[in-house]
N, C-alpha and C. Protein backbone atom coordinates (compact mmCIF):
# COMPACT_ATOMS: atom_id res chain seq x y z
N MET A 1 -33.32 -29.76 13.71
CA MET A 1 -33.08 -29.56 12.30
C MET A 1 -33.09 -28.06 11.95
N GLN A 2 -34.05 -27.37 12.49
CA GLN A 2 -34.17 -25.93 12.24
C GLN A 2 -32.95 -25.18 12.79
N ALA A 3 -32.48 -25.59 13.96
CA ALA A 3 -31.34 -24.92 14.59
C ALA A 3 -30.07 -25.10 13.76
N GLN A 4 -29.92 -26.24 13.09
CA GLN A 4 -28.74 -26.46 12.25
C GLN A 4 -28.72 -25.47 11.09
N TYR A 5 -29.86 -25.23 10.48
CA TYR A 5 -29.93 -24.28 9.36
C TYR A 5 -29.63 -22.87 9.83
N ILE A 6 -30.11 -22.53 11.00
CA ILE A 6 -29.83 -21.20 11.55
C ILE A 6 -28.34 -21.05 11.84
N ASN A 7 -27.71 -22.09 12.39
CA ASN A 7 -26.27 -22.04 12.66
C ASN A 7 -25.47 -21.91 11.38
N ILE A 8 -25.84 -22.66 10.36
CA ILE A 8 -25.15 -22.59 9.07
C ILE A 8 -25.34 -21.20 8.45
N LEU A 9 -26.54 -20.68 8.54
CA LEU A 9 -26.83 -19.34 8.01
C LEU A 9 -26.01 -18.28 8.75
N MET A 10 -25.87 -18.42 10.05
CA MET A 10 -25.08 -17.46 10.84
C MET A 10 -23.61 -17.53 10.45
N ILE A 11 -23.09 -18.72 10.21
CA ILE A 11 -21.69 -18.88 9.81
C ILE A 11 -21.46 -18.25 8.44
N VAL A 12 -22.38 -18.47 7.50
CA VAL A 12 -22.27 -17.87 6.17
C VAL A 12 -22.32 -16.34 6.28
N PHE A 13 -23.23 -15.84 7.09
CA PHE A 13 -23.33 -14.40 7.30
C PHE A 13 -22.05 -13.84 7.90
N LEU A 14 -21.46 -14.52 8.86
CA LEU A 14 -20.24 -14.08 9.50
C LEU A 14 -19.09 -14.00 8.50
N PHE A 15 -18.94 -15.02 7.66
CA PHE A 15 -17.88 -15.00 6.64
C PHE A 15 -18.12 -13.88 5.63
N GLY A 16 -19.37 -13.67 5.24
CA GLY A 16 -19.69 -12.58 4.32
C GLY A 16 -19.37 -11.23 4.95
N PHE A 17 -19.72 -11.06 6.20
CA PHE A 17 -19.44 -9.82 6.92
C PHE A 17 -17.94 -9.58 7.00
N MET A 18 -17.17 -10.61 7.34
CA MET A 18 -15.72 -10.48 7.43
C MET A 18 -15.12 -10.12 6.07
N TYR A 19 -15.63 -10.72 5.01
CA TYR A 19 -15.10 -10.43 3.68
C TYR A 19 -15.31 -8.96 3.33
N PHE A 20 -16.53 -8.46 3.51
CA PHE A 20 -16.82 -7.09 3.10
C PHE A 20 -16.27 -6.04 4.06
N MET A 21 -16.01 -6.38 5.29
CA MET A 21 -15.51 -5.40 6.25
C MET A 21 -13.99 -5.45 6.44
N ILE A 22 -13.36 -6.58 6.18
CA ILE A 22 -11.93 -6.71 6.45
C ILE A 22 -11.13 -7.03 5.19
N ILE A 23 -11.45 -8.11 4.53
CA ILE A 23 -10.63 -8.61 3.43
C ILE A 23 -10.71 -7.72 2.19
N ARG A 24 -11.91 -7.36 1.77
CA ARG A 24 -12.08 -6.57 0.55
C ARG A 24 -11.43 -5.19 0.65
N PRO A 25 -11.65 -4.42 1.73
CA PRO A 25 -10.98 -3.11 1.82
C PRO A 25 -9.45 -3.22 1.84
N GLN A 26 -8.92 -4.24 2.50
CA GLN A 26 -7.47 -4.41 2.55
C GLN A 26 -6.90 -4.72 1.17
N SER A 27 -7.57 -5.58 0.42
CA SER A 27 -7.08 -5.90 -0.93
C SER A 27 -7.20 -4.68 -1.84
N LYS A 28 -8.21 -3.85 -1.63
CA LYS A 28 -8.35 -2.62 -2.42
C LYS A 28 -7.20 -1.66 -2.12
N ARG A 29 -6.85 -1.49 -0.84
CA ARG A 29 -5.72 -0.63 -0.46
C ARG A 29 -4.41 -1.16 -1.04
N ASN A 30 -4.21 -2.47 -1.01
CA ASN A 30 -2.99 -3.07 -1.57
C ASN A 30 -2.89 -2.81 -3.06
N LYS A 31 -4.02 -2.91 -3.76
CA LYS A 31 -4.02 -2.68 -5.20
C LYS A 31 -3.68 -1.21 -5.50
N GLU A 32 -4.24 -0.27 -4.74
CA GLU A 32 -3.95 1.15 -4.94
C GLU A 32 -2.48 1.46 -4.65
N LEU A 33 -1.92 0.85 -3.61
CA LEU A 33 -0.52 1.05 -3.27
C LEU A 33 0.39 0.52 -4.37
N LYS A 34 0.06 -0.63 -4.92
CA LYS A 34 0.84 -1.21 -6.02
C LYS A 34 0.82 -0.30 -7.25
N LEU A 35 -0.36 0.27 -7.56
CA LEU A 35 -0.46 1.20 -8.69
C LEU A 35 0.40 2.44 -8.44
N LEU A 36 0.39 2.95 -7.22
CA LEU A 36 1.20 4.11 -6.88
C LEU A 36 2.68 3.79 -7.05
N GLN A 37 3.11 2.65 -6.52
CA GLN A 37 4.52 2.29 -6.59
C GLN A 37 4.97 2.05 -8.03
N ASP A 38 4.09 1.58 -8.88
CA ASP A 38 4.45 1.35 -10.28
C ASP A 38 4.46 2.65 -11.10
N SER A 39 3.79 3.69 -10.62
CA SER A 39 3.69 4.93 -11.39
C SER A 39 4.66 6.01 -10.92
N LEU A 40 5.64 5.66 -10.10
CA LEU A 40 6.58 6.66 -9.60
C LEU A 40 7.44 7.20 -10.73
N LYS A 41 7.76 8.50 -10.62
CA LYS A 41 8.61 9.13 -11.63
C LYS A 41 9.55 10.12 -10.96
N GLU A 42 10.58 10.52 -11.66
CA GLU A 42 11.56 11.46 -11.12
C GLU A 42 10.86 12.77 -10.76
N GLY A 43 11.27 13.32 -9.61
CA GLY A 43 10.70 14.58 -9.16
C GLY A 43 9.55 14.42 -8.18
N ASP A 44 8.98 13.22 -8.05
CA ASP A 44 7.90 12.99 -7.09
C ASP A 44 8.43 13.11 -5.67
N ARG A 45 7.65 13.73 -4.81
CA ARG A 45 7.98 13.80 -3.38
C ARG A 45 7.24 12.66 -2.71
N ILE A 46 7.98 11.81 -1.99
CA ILE A 46 7.40 10.59 -1.43
C ILE A 46 7.61 10.51 0.08
N VAL A 47 6.86 9.59 0.69
CA VAL A 47 7.02 9.25 2.10
C VAL A 47 7.19 7.74 2.17
N THR A 48 8.21 7.29 2.91
CA THR A 48 8.42 5.85 3.05
C THR A 48 7.63 5.34 4.25
N PHE A 49 7.55 4.02 4.39
CA PHE A 49 6.88 3.43 5.54
C PHE A 49 7.61 3.77 6.84
N ALA A 50 8.89 4.12 6.76
CA ALA A 50 9.66 4.50 7.94
C ALA A 50 9.46 5.97 8.28
N GLY A 51 8.72 6.71 7.43
CA GLY A 51 8.45 8.12 7.70
C GLY A 51 9.48 9.07 7.12
N ILE A 52 10.31 8.60 6.21
CA ILE A 52 11.33 9.44 5.59
C ILE A 52 10.72 10.13 4.37
N TYR A 53 10.88 11.46 4.32
CA TYR A 53 10.42 12.24 3.17
C TYR A 53 11.59 12.44 2.23
N GLY A 54 11.32 12.46 0.94
CA GLY A 54 12.38 12.70 -0.02
C GLY A 54 11.84 12.89 -1.42
N ASP A 55 12.73 13.29 -2.31
CA ASP A 55 12.40 13.50 -3.72
C ASP A 55 13.06 12.41 -4.55
N ILE A 56 12.33 11.84 -5.46
CA ILE A 56 12.88 10.78 -6.32
C ILE A 56 13.83 11.40 -7.33
N VAL A 57 15.05 10.85 -7.39
CA VAL A 57 16.08 11.33 -8.30
C VAL A 57 16.20 10.41 -9.50
N GLU A 58 16.08 9.10 -9.26
CA GLU A 58 16.24 8.11 -10.32
C GLU A 58 15.32 6.93 -10.05
N VAL A 59 14.68 6.45 -11.11
CA VAL A 59 13.75 5.32 -10.98
C VAL A 59 14.32 4.13 -11.72
N GLY A 60 14.47 3.02 -10.99
CA GLY A 60 14.92 1.77 -11.59
C GLY A 60 13.76 0.79 -11.66
N THR A 61 14.03 -0.42 -12.07
CA THR A 61 12.96 -1.41 -12.17
C THR A 61 12.52 -1.92 -10.81
N VAL A 62 13.46 -2.05 -9.88
CA VAL A 62 13.13 -2.57 -8.55
C VAL A 62 13.35 -1.52 -7.47
N THR A 63 14.29 -0.60 -7.69
CA THR A 63 14.65 0.38 -6.68
C THR A 63 14.46 1.80 -7.20
N VAL A 64 14.50 2.74 -6.29
CA VAL A 64 14.49 4.17 -6.63
C VAL A 64 15.55 4.86 -5.78
N LYS A 65 16.18 5.90 -6.34
CA LYS A 65 17.11 6.72 -5.58
C LYS A 65 16.34 7.94 -5.10
N VAL A 66 16.48 8.22 -3.81
CA VAL A 66 15.72 9.31 -3.20
C VAL A 66 16.69 10.27 -2.53
N ARG A 67 16.51 11.58 -2.81
CA ARG A 67 17.31 12.61 -2.15
C ARG A 67 16.55 13.03 -0.90
N ILE A 68 17.18 12.81 0.27
CA ILE A 68 16.52 13.13 1.52
C ILE A 68 17.08 14.41 2.15
N ALA A 69 18.22 14.87 1.65
CA ALA A 69 18.84 16.12 2.09
C ALA A 69 19.80 16.53 0.97
N PRO A 70 20.23 17.79 0.97
CA PRO A 70 21.20 18.18 -0.07
C PRO A 70 22.44 17.27 -0.03
N LYS A 71 22.79 16.73 -1.15
CA LYS A 71 23.94 15.84 -1.33
C LYS A 71 23.81 14.51 -0.59
N VAL A 72 22.60 14.15 -0.18
CA VAL A 72 22.38 12.86 0.50
C VAL A 72 21.30 12.10 -0.26
N GLU A 73 21.73 11.00 -0.89
CA GLU A 73 20.79 10.17 -1.65
C GLU A 73 20.84 8.74 -1.10
N ILE A 74 19.68 8.12 -1.03
CA ILE A 74 19.60 6.73 -0.60
C ILE A 74 18.86 5.94 -1.66
N GLU A 75 19.14 4.66 -1.70
CA GLU A 75 18.47 3.78 -2.64
C GLU A 75 17.47 2.93 -1.87
N LEU A 76 16.23 2.95 -2.33
CA LEU A 76 15.15 2.23 -1.65
C LEU A 76 14.47 1.26 -2.59
N ASP A 77 13.97 0.20 -2.04
CA ASP A 77 13.10 -0.70 -2.78
C ASP A 77 11.77 0.02 -3.01
N ARG A 78 11.16 -0.18 -4.15
CA ARG A 78 9.87 0.47 -4.44
C ARG A 78 8.81 0.14 -3.39
N ASN A 79 8.88 -1.07 -2.83
CA ASN A 79 7.90 -1.49 -1.84
C ASN A 79 8.01 -0.73 -0.52
N ALA A 80 9.08 0.04 -0.33
CA ALA A 80 9.26 0.81 0.89
C ALA A 80 8.51 2.15 0.83
N ILE A 81 7.94 2.48 -0.31
CA ILE A 81 7.28 3.77 -0.48
C ILE A 81 5.80 3.62 -0.12
N ARG A 82 5.37 4.47 0.81
CA ARG A 82 4.00 4.41 1.31
C ARG A 82 3.07 5.30 0.50
N SER A 83 3.49 6.54 0.22
CA SER A 83 2.58 7.47 -0.46
C SER A 83 3.36 8.64 -1.04
N LEU A 84 2.65 9.43 -1.82
CA LEU A 84 3.20 10.68 -2.29
C LEU A 84 2.97 11.73 -1.21
N ALA A 85 3.95 12.59 -0.99
CA ALA A 85 3.81 13.65 0.01
C ALA A 85 3.05 14.80 -0.61
N THR A 86 2.22 15.42 0.17
CA THR A 86 1.50 16.61 -0.33
C THR A 86 2.45 17.79 -0.30
N LYS A 87 2.33 18.63 -1.30
CA LYS A 87 3.23 19.78 -1.39
C LYS A 87 2.61 21.00 -0.78
């Protein structure tokens, strides 16, 4: 009987540990990324998940136009943007 309670307690502890070490930090990062992607504006220098650097030229509701070289613009989904580039 005592061993069953210890096993149940260990399982609860393991799930709690997994939540605070894996699930919670990941959801926090996802929330911060979503806030960043929603706050994009023209002139921001960004980095995509593919590693492409560029400057935002136009912001749409779902996509953004990014200038990656002089006279070269591409249209990206907002979800493709990883972070703002440091200047």
